[in-house]
Amino acid sequence: MTTKEEIMSMKKDIGSINSKMNSIDSKLDMLTEKLLNPDTGVTARVNRNTAMRKVLVKAMWVIYSITLGALIKLFTS
């Protein structure tokens, strides 16, 4: 191979590497968007699940308290 052919081959390889890096960059942007989107991302979903679980725990304690109060009233009457 001559020097000119080697340089042309290197330029072709560099162009290929640049296009692959651009592809990787766009995929990384898409992944970051899906993970960190404040409306629909994974973080937002985890926060909604945590909030819902806290509400359900409070509701269950209310139901337990009402049931226990009804049983006590039933047996003491």
Protein backbone atom coordinates (compact mmCIF):
# COMPACT_ATOMS: atom_id res chain seq x y z
CA MET A 1 0.00 0.00 0.00
CA THR A 2 1.18 3.44 -0.78
CA THR A 3 1.12 6.28 1.69
CA LYS A 4 -1.79 7.91 -0.11
CA GLU A 5 -3.85 4.69 0.06
CA GLU A 6 -3.07 4.31 3.77
CA ILE A 7 -4.18 7.87 4.45
CA MET A 8 -7.42 7.30 2.52
CA SER A 9 -8.01 4.08 4.48
CA MET A 10 -7.41 5.90 7.78
CA LYS A 11 -9.85 8.67 6.80
CA LYS A 12 -12.46 6.04 5.95
CA ASP A 13 -11.90 4.33 9.31
CA ILE A 14 -12.13 7.64 11.17
CA GLY A 15 -15.38 8.45 9.38
CA SER A 16 -16.76 5.04 10.33
CA ILE A 17 -15.73 5.53 13.96
CA ASN A 18 -17.39 8.98 14.02
CA SER A 19 -20.67 7.61 12.69
CA LYS A 20 -20.63 4.80 15.26
CA MET A 21 -19.93 7.29 18.06
CA ASN A 22 -22.86 9.43 16.89
CA SER A 23 -25.09 6.36 16.95
CA ILE A 24 -23.95 5.48 20.47
CA ASP A 25 -24.49 9.09 21.56
CA SER A 26 -28.06 9.12 20.28
CA LYS A 27 -28.81 5.80 22.00
CA LEU A 28 -27.35 7.13 25.26
CA ASP A 29 -29.52 10.25 24.97
CA MET A 30 -32.62 8.09 24.44
CA LEU A 31 -31.75 5.91 27.43
CA THR A 32 -31.11 8.92 29.64
CA GLU A 33 -34.45 10.41 28.59
CA LYS A 34 -36.30 7.19 29.41
CA LEU A 35 -34.64 6.88 32.80
CA LEU A 36 -34.64 10.45 34.01
CA ASN A 37 -37.73 11.98 32.40
CA PRO A 38 -39.55 13.71 35.29
CA ASP A 39 -42.98 12.75 33.94
CA THR A 40 -42.59 9.20 32.65
CA GLY A 41 -39.09 8.11 33.65
CA VAL A 42 -38.14 5.30 35.98
CA THR A 43 -37.45 7.72 38.81
CA ALA A 44 -40.92 9.23 38.53
CA ARG A 45 -42.50 5.78 38.44
CA VAL A 46 -40.64 4.70 41.58
CA ASN A 47 -41.70 7.88 43.36
CA ARG A 48 -45.36 7.30 42.41
CA ASN A 49 -45.18 3.70 43.63
CA THR A 50 -43.65 4.80 46.93
CA ALA A 51 -46.31 7.45 47.44
CA MET A 52 -49.09 4.99 46.65
CA ARG A 53 -47.65 2.44 49.07
CA LYS A 54 -47.60 5.03 51.87
CA VAL A 55 -51.25 5.91 51.22
CA LEU A 56 -52.25 2.24 51.19
CA VAL A 57 -50.44 1.56 54.47
CA LYS A 58 -52.35 4.40 56.14
CA ALA A 59 -55.62 3.12 54.69
CA MET A 60 -54.92 -0.39 55.97
CA TRP A 61 -54.26 0.94 59.48
CA VAL A 62 -57.58 2.80 59.39
CA ILE A 63 -59.37 -0.39 58.30
CA TYR A 64 -57.64 -2.40 61.03
CA SER A 65 -58.57 0.20 63.65
CA ILE A 66 -62.22 0.26 62.59
CA THR A 67 -62.38 -3.55 62.54
CA LEU A 68 -60.74 -3.85 65.95
CA GLY A 69 -63.06 -1.16 67.38
CA ALA A 70 -66.11 -2.96 65.98
CA LEU A 71 -64.97 -6.29 67.44
CA ILE A 72 -64.31 -4.79 70.84
CA LYS A 73 -67.68 -3.07 70.84
CA LEU A 74 -69.37 -6.29 69.72
CA PHE A 75 -67.85 -8.37 72.50
CA THR A 76 -68.21 -5.79 75.27
CA SER A 77 -71.87 -5.07 74.59
